[in-house]
Each structure stands twice: as structure tokens, then as C-alpha cells.
């Protein structure tokens, strides 16, 4: 696909809003019809890490990571300004901003609408979400904006690699400041399951695919 050519979306990308809406409706409907389903799924966990969620996240993250050319990460060192801007925004500004917004909305503005326990759970979720850099949607936005996909992939690779080392300590720090106790075992296992496993599997899958089928085959497959 040419960098400046017309960029077409598949049925999944084009109607993404519809699929998300259907998933929300389906999830709420299942919860109403079968209230016990959350308890059943909750049994499949290790150190408070949901196995069903881990499987779903793997299949969401893996197709993105398999497109990453890790050799380009080294070459990206020749242009440090975009890398510095990405790292500062993702690790020095966004996590702390999200932690502040979590405190503002759930600890102050909407404090009377939530029980203390529920408010802490929501705040923990917002903090963990704020610490994690976005990957899949960044690639989609760059694609729609006709941006430099090679550069976007390099930035995504750098974020994925830094997330392995920075996510756990930063999440622990912000959760601790907010008075939310999460065991190190849970955070470390989350990083391993949600980030390291897709990263390692995608790395070997990419190498084997290029070796057996070629780069062009992998590029065509990733655009489907």
C-alpha cells in the first residue's frame, strides 16, 4: 500500500463504533439475564488477573505488535525529539493527569453517588488505564490521518518496550498515593500476561513469517 495512496478500511474498522455498541449491549444483556455469569468468570483468575480478559486482550494486542519491526527501534535513536516527546507525554504527563482526574471526579465531584469501596475500584481502574499507553488506536488514527505508518510503528514499539519496565512501578506509585493497595504480584503478573506474552509471541511469529512467507505476505496479511 502506497504511503500517499487511498487508505481503505475493512468491515471491522469501518463499523468499529457499531461493534463496540453491540458488545456493550450484549454484555449488559448477559449481565441482566444471567447475573451469576460474572461470578463464574471471576473464578478463572490468578493473583486477581482475569484469565478470560487476558485471552481477549492478547488477541487485541497481538495483531498490532506483530507489525512492529524491532530493528527500526534502534534506528529511531537518530531522531530523538519525537521519541522524547512520546515518552514524556506517555510517562510524565498522562498518568499523573489521569490520577488527578480520577481523584477530582470520583473523590470530589461524584463522591456522594458512589460508595467508598466502589469509588476506590473505579479510581484504581482509571489510574491503571491512564498509565498504559494506547497502541492499537494510535495505529488506527495514524492510518486514517494518512500519517507515516513506519514512524508510528516505531513509536508504538518504543511504547510497548518501555511499558514492560515502567508500567509496574509507576502504577504502584500512583495507586499508593491514592491510598489503593495493589500487591506487587498482581501488577507484575499483569505486565507479564498483558504485555510481555503478546510481545514475545509476536516477535517470534514475525520472524518466522518473514522467513517462510516474506515481508510482502506479512504486510498484506496485516492489512486485512
C-alpha atoms as a PDB file:
ATOM      1  CA  UNK A   1       0.000   0.000   0.000  1.00  0.00           C
ATOM      2  CA  UNK A   2       1.439   3.360  -1.013  1.00  0.00           C
ATOM      3  CA  UNK A   3       2.107   5.837   1.760  1.00  0.00           C
ATOM      4  CA  UNK A   4       0.120   8.565  -0.028  1.00  0.00           C
ATOM      5  CA  UNK A   5      -2.484   6.323  -1.640  1.00  0.00           C
ATOM      6  CA  UNK A   6      -6.089   5.904  -0.695  1.00  0.00           C
ATOM      7  CA  UNK A   7      -6.455   4.024   2.560  1.00  0.00           C
ATOM      8  CA  UNK A   8      -9.443   1.758   2.756  1.00  0.00           C
ATOM      9  CA  UNK A   9     -10.942   0.278   5.889  1.00  0.00           C
ATOM     10  CA  UNK A  10     -12.163  -3.258   6.291  1.00  0.00           C
ATOM     11  CA  UNK A  11     -15.591  -4.049   7.660  1.00  0.00           C
ATOM     12  CA  UNK A  12     -14.262  -4.342  11.235  1.00  0.00           C
ATOM     13  CA  UNK A  13     -12.514  -0.973  11.178  1.00  0.00           C
ATOM     14  CA  UNK A  14     -15.231   0.869   9.250  1.00  0.00           C
ATOM     15  CA  UNK A  15     -18.011  -0.109  11.637  1.00  0.00           C
ATOM     16  CA  UNK A  16     -15.917  -0.141  14.815  1.00  0.00           C
ATOM     17  CA  UNK A  17     -18.396   2.080  16.663  1.00  0.00           C
ATOM     18  CA  UNK A  18     -21.201  -0.342  15.830  1.00  0.00           C
ATOM     19  CA  UNK A  19     -19.224  -3.366  17.070  1.00  0.00           C
ATOM     20  CA  UNK A  20     -18.350  -1.593  20.324  1.00  0.00           C
ATOM     21  CA  UNK A  21     -22.003  -0.645  20.840  1.00  0.00           C
ATOM     22  CA  UNK A  22     -23.157  -4.213  20.166  1.00  0.00           C
ATOM     23  CA  UNK A  23     -20.584  -5.576  22.603  1.00  0.00           C
ATOM     24  CA  UNK A  24     -21.762  -3.158  25.313  1.00  0.00           C
ATOM     25  CA  UNK A  25     -25.406  -4.097  24.737  1.00  0.00           C
ATOM     26  CA  UNK A  26     -24.564  -7.803  24.700  1.00  0.00           C
ATOM     27  CA  UNK A  27     -22.523  -7.539  27.895  1.00  0.00           C
ATOM     28  CA  UNK A  28     -25.227  -5.611  29.752  1.00  0.00           C
ATOM     29  CA  UNK A  29     -27.883  -8.017  28.461  1.00  0.00           C
ATOM     30  CA  UNK A  30     -25.948 -11.087  29.595  1.00  0.00           C
ATOM     31  CA  UNK A  31     -25.391  -9.486  32.989  1.00  0.00           C
ATOM     32  CA  UNK A  32     -29.122  -8.867  33.366  1.00  0.00           C
ATOM     33  CA  UNK A  33     -30.227 -12.286  32.137  1.00  0.00           C
ATOM     34  CA  UNK A  34     -27.509 -14.293  33.866  1.00  0.00           C
ATOM     35  CA  UNK A  35     -26.280 -12.349  36.938  1.00  0.00           C
ATOM     36  CA  UNK A  36     -24.162 -15.305  38.014  1.00  0.00           C
ATOM     37  CA  UNK A  37     -22.012 -15.164  34.881  1.00  0.00           C
ATOM     38  CA  UNK A  38     -19.677 -12.547  36.397  1.00  0.00           C
ATOM     39  CA  UNK A  39     -19.073 -14.796  39.401  1.00  0.00           C
ATOM     40  CA  UNK A  40     -18.385 -17.767  37.128  1.00  0.00           C
ATOM     41  CA  UNK A  41     -15.881 -15.805  35.040  1.00  0.00           C
ATOM     42  CA  UNK A  42     -14.374 -14.359  38.211  1.00  0.00           C
ATOM     43  CA  UNK A  43     -13.324 -17.832  39.312  1.00  0.00           C
ATOM     44  CA  UNK A  44     -10.876 -18.051  36.414  1.00  0.00           C
ATOM     45  CA  UNK A  45      -8.175 -15.795  37.771  1.00  0.00           C
ATOM     46  CA  UNK A  46      -4.613 -15.919  39.065  1.00  0.00           C
ATOM     47  CA  UNK A  47      -3.455 -13.297  41.581  1.00  0.00           C
ATOM     48  CA  UNK A  48      -6.577 -11.254  40.732  1.00  0.00           C
ATOM     49  CA  UNK A  49      -5.740 -11.427  36.997  1.00  0.00           C
ATOM     50  CA  UNK A  50      -8.754 -12.499  34.928  1.00  0.00           C
ATOM     51  CA  UNK A  51      -7.836 -15.276  32.500  1.00  0.00           C
ATOM     52  CA  UNK A  52     -10.766 -14.554  30.089  1.00  0.00           C
ATOM     53  CA  UNK A  53      -9.781 -10.868  29.925  1.00  0.00           C
ATOM     54  CA  UNK A  54      -6.135 -11.826  29.380  1.00  0.00           C
ATOM     55  CA  UNK A  55      -7.115 -14.028  26.427  1.00  0.00           C
ATOM     56  CA  UNK A  56      -9.260 -11.296  24.865  1.00  0.00           C
ATOM     57  CA  UNK A  57      -6.557  -8.663  25.310  1.00  0.00           C
ATOM     58  CA  UNK A  58      -3.992 -10.982  23.763  1.00  0.00           C
ATOM     59  CA  UNK A  59      -5.980 -11.265  20.548  1.00  0.00           C
ATOM     60  CA  UNK A  60      -6.449  -7.481  20.536  1.00  0.00           C
ATOM     61  CA  UNK A  61      -2.790  -6.569  21.093  1.00  0.00           C
ATOM     62  CA  UNK A  62      -1.069  -9.397  19.208  1.00  0.00           C
ATOM     63  CA  UNK A  63      -2.088  -8.294  15.642  1.00  0.00           C
ATOM     64  CA  UNK A  64      -0.696  -4.829  16.367  1.00  0.00           C
ATOM     65  CA  UNK A  65       2.588  -5.997  17.865  1.00  0.00           C
ATOM     66  CA  UNK A  66       3.260  -8.479  15.068  1.00  0.00           C
ATOM     67  CA  UNK A  67       3.566  -5.497  12.694  1.00  0.00           C
ATOM     68  CA  UNK A  68       6.379  -3.950  14.713  1.00  0.00           C
ATOM     69  CA  UNK A  69       9.838  -4.077  13.169  1.00  0.00           C
ATOM     70  CA  UNK A  70      12.022  -4.036  16.252  1.00  0.00           C
ATOM     71  CA  UNK A  71      15.131  -3.240  14.221  1.00  0.00           C
ATOM     72  CA  UNK A  72      13.614   0.153  13.464  1.00  0.00           C
ATOM     73  CA  UNK A  73      13.602   0.969  17.175  1.00  0.00           C
ATOM     74  CA  UNK A  74      17.396   1.180  17.116  1.00  0.00           C
ATOM     75  CA  UNK A  75      17.355   3.389  14.011  1.00  0.00           C
ATOM     76  CA  UNK A  76      14.831   5.680  15.681  1.00  0.00           C
ATOM     77  CA  UNK A  77      17.586   6.815  18.036  1.00  0.00           C
ATOM     78  CA  UNK A  78      18.796   9.102  15.244  1.00  0.00           C
ATOM     79  CA  UNK A  79      15.647  11.230  15.691  1.00  0.00           C
ATOM     80  CA  UNK A  80      15.444  11.692  19.469  1.00  0.00           C
ATOM     81  CA  UNK A  81      12.931  14.583  19.531  1.00  0.00           C
ATOM     82  CA  UNK A  82       9.804  12.561  18.550  1.00  0.00           C
ATOM     83  CA  UNK A  83      10.860   9.790  20.907  1.00  0.00           C
ATOM     84  CA  UNK A  84      11.397  12.207  23.787  1.00  0.00           C
ATOM     85  CA  UNK A  85       8.021  13.873  23.141  1.00  0.00           C
ATOM     86  CA  UNK A  86       6.263  10.484  23.113  1.00  0.00           C
ATOM     87  CA  UNK A  87       7.941   9.237  26.279  1.00  0.00           C
ATOM     88  CA  UNK A  88       7.393  12.482  28.199  1.00  0.00           C
ATOM     89  CA  UNK A  89       3.729  12.642  27.228  1.00  0.00           C
ATOM     90  CA  UNK A  90       3.038   8.959  27.976  1.00  0.00           C
ATOM     91  CA  UNK A  91       5.059   8.571  31.179  1.00  0.00           C
ATOM     92  CA  UNK A  92       5.457  12.027  32.740  1.00  0.00           C
ATOM     93  CA  UNK A  93       2.181  13.785  31.947  1.00  0.00           C
ATOM     94  CA  UNK A  94      -0.675  11.422  31.052  1.00  0.00           C
ATOM     95  CA  UNK A  95      -0.519   9.050  34.082  1.00  0.00           C
ATOM     96  CA  UNK A  96      -0.469  11.886  36.615  1.00  0.00           C
ATOM     97  CA  UNK A  97      -3.202  13.760  34.764  1.00  0.00           C
ATOM     98  CA  UNK A  98      -5.435  10.683  34.840  1.00  0.00           C
ATOM     99  CA  UNK A  99      -4.730  10.147  38.545  1.00  0.00           C
ATOM    100  CA  UNK A 100      -5.747  13.775  39.196  1.00  0.00           C
ATOM    101  CA  UNK A 101      -8.946  13.423  37.147  1.00  0.00           C
ATOM    102  CA  UNK A 102      -9.778  10.182  38.974  1.00  0.00           C
ATOM    103  CA  UNK A 103      -9.447  11.975  42.306  1.00  0.00           C
ATOM    104  CA  UNK A 104     -11.387  15.035  41.078  1.00  0.00           C
ATOM    105  CA  UNK A 105     -14.391  13.230  39.627  1.00  0.00           C
ATOM    106  CA  UNK A 106     -14.632  10.155  41.850  1.00  0.00           C
ATOM    107  CA  UNK A 107     -13.273  11.598  45.066  1.00  0.00           C
ATOM    108  CA  UNK A 108     -14.850  15.064  44.936  1.00  0.00           C
ATOM    109  CA  UNK A 109     -17.489  15.812  42.280  1.00  0.00           C
ATOM    110  CA  UNK A 110     -19.323  12.464  42.313  1.00  0.00           C
ATOM    111  CA  UNK A 111     -18.370  11.387  45.824  1.00  0.00           C
ATOM    112  CA  UNK A 112     -21.978  11.306  47.003  1.00  0.00           C
ATOM    113  CA  UNK A 113     -23.107   8.994  44.209  1.00  0.00           C
ATOM    114  CA  UNK A 114     -20.686   6.131  44.923  1.00  0.00           C
ATOM    115  CA  UNK A 115     -19.864   4.033  47.937  1.00  0.00           C
ATOM    116  CA  UNK A 116     -16.276   4.437  49.197  1.00  0.00           C
ATOM    117  CA  UNK A 117     -15.381   0.909  48.083  1.00  0.00           C
ATOM    118  CA  UNK A 118     -16.821   1.384  44.595  1.00  0.00           C
ATOM    119  CA  UNK A 119     -15.144   4.771  44.230  1.00  0.00           C
ATOM    120  CA  UNK A 120     -11.760   3.244  45.051  1.00  0.00           C
ATOM    121  CA  UNK A 121     -12.304   0.494  42.491  1.00  0.00           C
ATOM    122  CA  UNK A 122     -13.188   2.992  39.779  1.00  0.00           C
ATOM    123  CA  UNK A 123     -10.230   5.188  40.699  1.00  0.00           C
ATOM    124  CA  UNK A 124      -7.892   2.206  40.502  1.00  0.00           C
ATOM    125  CA  UNK A 125      -9.259   1.363  37.053  1.00  0.00           C
ATOM    126  CA  UNK A 126      -8.792   4.932  35.812  1.00  0.00           C
ATOM    127  CA  UNK A 127      -5.220   5.059  37.130  1.00  0.00           C
ATOM    128  CA  UNK A 128      -4.261   1.730  35.560  1.00  0.00           C
ATOM    129  CA  UNK A 129      -5.823   2.834  32.288  1.00  0.00           C
ATOM    130  CA  UNK A 130      -4.001   6.160  32.401  1.00  0.00           C
ATOM    131  CA  UNK A 131      -0.622   4.543  32.981  1.00  0.00           C
ATOM    132  CA  UNK A 132      -0.948   2.228  29.969  1.00  0.00           C
ATOM    133  CA  UNK A 133      -0.043   3.879  26.626  1.00  0.00           C
ATOM    134  CA  UNK A 134      -2.504   3.239  23.811  1.00  0.00           C
ATOM    135  CA  UNK A 135      -1.237   1.066  20.944  1.00  0.00           C
ATOM    136  CA  UNK A 136      -3.991  -0.233  18.680  1.00  0.00           C
ATOM    137  CA  UNK A 137      -5.904   3.028  18.364  1.00  0.00           C
ATOM    138  CA  UNK A 138      -2.729   5.038  17.736  1.00  0.00           C
ATOM    139  CA  UNK A 139      -2.069   2.925  14.675  1.00  0.00           C
ATOM    140  CA  UNK A 140      -5.661   3.330  13.527  1.00  0.00           C
ATOM    141  CA  UNK A 141      -5.585   7.118  13.931  1.00  0.00           C
ATOM    142  CA  UNK A 142      -2.304   7.363  12.048  1.00  0.00           C
ATOM    143  CA  UNK A 143      -3.731   5.189   9.301  1.00  0.00           C
ATOM    144  CA  UNK A 144      -6.857   7.345   8.925  1.00  0.00           C
ATOM    145  CA  UNK A 145      -4.823  10.569   9.006  1.00  0.00           C
ATOM    146  CA  UNK A 146      -2.530   9.239   6.240  1.00  0.00           C
ATOM    147  CA  UNK A 147       0.420   9.602   8.556  1.00  0.00           C
ATOM    148  CA  UNK A 148       3.799   7.926   8.363  1.00  0.00           C
ATOM    149  CA  UNK A 149       2.930   4.370   9.372  1.00  0.00           C
ATOM    150  CA  UNK A 150       6.579   3.365   9.659  1.00  0.00           C
ATOM    151  CA  UNK A 151       7.216   6.137  12.172  1.00  0.00           C
ATOM    152  CA  UNK A 152       4.004   5.285  14.021  1.00  0.00           C
ATOM    153  CA  UNK A 153       5.043   1.649  14.293  1.00  0.00           C
ATOM    154  CA  UNK A 154       8.403   2.678  15.714  1.00  0.00           C
ATOM    155  CA  UNK A 155       6.714   4.868  18.335  1.00  0.00           C
ATOM    156  CA  UNK A 156       4.364   2.007  19.177  1.00  0.00           C
ATOM    157  CA  UNK A 157       7.288  -0.375  19.544  1.00  0.00           C
ATOM    158  CA  UNK A 158       9.106   2.027  21.869  1.00  0.00           C
ATOM    159  CA  UNK A 159       5.984   2.468  23.996  1.00  0.00           C
ATOM    160  CA  UNK A 160       5.487  -1.295  24.137  1.00  0.00           C
ATOM    161  CA  UNK A 161       9.064  -1.859  25.261  1.00  0.00           C
ATOM    162  CA  UNK A 162       9.079   0.936  27.852  1.00  0.00           C
ATOM    163  CA  UNK A 163       5.752  -0.308  29.186  1.00  0.00           C
ATOM    164  CA  UNK A 164       7.450  -3.559  30.198  1.00  0.00           C
ATOM    165  CA  UNK A 165       9.769  -1.662  32.561  1.00  0.00           C
ATOM    166  CA  UNK A 166       7.798   1.433  33.602  1.00  0.00           C
ATOM    167  CA  UNK A 167       4.183   0.285  33.907  1.00  0.00           C
ATOM    168  CA  UNK A 168       4.507  -1.690  37.152  1.00  0.00           C
ATOM    169  CA  UNK A 169       6.494   0.831  39.250  1.00  0.00           C
ATOM    170  CA  UNK A 170       4.502   3.849  38.013  1.00  0.00           C
ATOM    171  CA  UNK A 171       1.143   2.118  38.569  1.00  0.00           C
ATOM    172  CA  UNK A 172       2.253   1.087  42.039  1.00  0.00           C
ATOM    173  CA  UNK A 173       3.358   4.643  42.837  1.00  0.00           C
ATOM    174  CA  UNK A 174       0.103   6.304  41.730  1.00  0.00           C
ATOM    175  CA  UNK A 175      -2.095   3.680  43.352  1.00  0.00           C
ATOM    176  CA  UNK A 176      -0.177   4.068  46.589  1.00  0.00           C
ATOM    177  CA  UNK A 177      -0.542   7.863  46.509  1.00  0.00           C
ATOM    178  CA  UNK A 178      -4.295   7.398  46.017  1.00  0.00           C
ATOM    179  CA  UNK A 179      -4.498   5.069  49.002  1.00  0.00           C
ATOM    180  CA  UNK A 180      -5.225   1.985  46.862  1.00  0.00           C
ATOM    181  CA  UNK A 181      -3.271  -1.116  47.784  1.00  0.00           C
ATOM    182  CA  UNK A 182      -2.499  -3.491  44.926  1.00  0.00           C
ATOM    183  CA  UNK A 183       0.013  -6.331  45.526  1.00  0.00           C
ATOM    184  CA  UNK A 184       3.226  -6.238  43.515  1.00  0.00           C
ATOM    185  CA  UNK A 185       2.480  -9.800  42.455  1.00  0.00           C
ATOM    186  CA  UNK A 186      -0.730  -8.677  40.749  1.00  0.00           C
ATOM    187  CA  UNK A 187       0.927  -5.780  38.899  1.00  0.00           C
ATOM    188  CA  UNK A 188       3.950  -7.835  37.850  1.00  0.00           C
ATOM    189  CA  UNK A 189       1.747 -10.642  36.588  1.00  0.00           C
ATOM    190  CA  UNK A 190      -0.420  -8.119  34.726  1.00  0.00           C
ATOM    191  CA  UNK A 191       2.627  -6.792  32.879  1.00  0.00           C
ATOM    192  CA  UNK A 192       3.741 -10.316  32.056  1.00  0.00           C
ATOM    193  CA  UNK A 193       0.366 -11.545  30.828  1.00  0.00           C
ATOM    194  CA  UNK A 194      -0.933  -8.421  29.103  1.00  0.00           C
ATOM    195  CA  UNK A 195       2.318  -7.080  27.603  1.00  0.00           C
ATOM    196  CA  UNK A 196       5.276  -9.461  27.688  1.00  0.00           C
ATOM    197  CA  UNK A 197       3.480 -12.543  26.363  1.00  0.00           C
ATOM    198  CA  UNK A 198       1.976 -10.814  23.259  1.00  0.00           C
ATOM    199  CA  UNK A 199       5.296  -9.049  22.676  1.00  0.00           C
ATOM    200  CA  UNK A 200       7.349 -12.260  22.746  1.00  0.00           C
ATOM    201  CA  UNK A 201       4.855 -14.281  20.709  1.00  0.00           C
ATOM    202  CA  UNK A 202       4.535 -11.542  18.091  1.00  0.00           C
ATOM    203  CA  UNK A 203       8.323 -11.216  17.820  1.00  0.00           C
ATOM    204  CA  UNK A 204       8.827 -14.898  17.018  1.00  0.00           C
ATOM    205  CA  UNK A 205       5.726 -15.021  14.810  1.00  0.00           C
ATOM    206  CA  UNK A 206       7.002 -12.072  12.763  1.00  0.00           C
ATOM    207  CA  UNK A 207      10.449 -13.588  12.323  1.00  0.00           C
ATOM    208  CA  UNK A 208       9.081 -16.971  11.252  1.00  0.00           C
ATOM    209  CA  UNK A 209       6.501 -15.422   8.910  1.00  0.00           C
ATOM    210  CA  UNK A 210       9.107 -13.277   7.162  1.00  0.00           C
ATOM    211  CA  UNK A 211      11.483 -16.217   6.898  1.00  0.00           C
ATOM    212  CA  UNK A 212       8.893 -18.559   5.395  1.00  0.00           C
ATOM    213  CA  UNK A 213       6.497 -16.266   3.509  1.00  0.00           C
ATOM    214  CA  UNK A 214       8.343 -12.995   3.048  1.00  0.00           C
ATOM    215  CA  UNK A 215       7.748  -9.400   4.123  1.00  0.00           C
ATOM    216  CA  UNK A 216       5.175  -8.707   1.396  1.00  0.00           C
ATOM    217  CA  UNK A 217       2.960 -11.586   2.572  1.00  0.00           C
ATOM    218  CA  UNK A 218       3.100 -10.324   6.163  1.00  0.00           C
ATOM    219  CA  UNK A 219       2.273  -6.775   5.058  1.00  0.00           C
ATOM    220  CA  UNK A 220      -0.753  -7.939   3.035  1.00  0.00           C
ATOM    221  CA  UNK A 221      -1.968 -10.100   5.904  1.00  0.00           C
ATOM    222  CA  UNK A 222      -1.702  -7.240   8.412  1.00  0.00           C
ATOM    223  CA  UNK A 223      -3.903  -5.035   6.234  1.00  0.00           C
ATOM    224  CA  UNK A 224      -6.814  -7.486   6.204  1.00  0.00           C
END
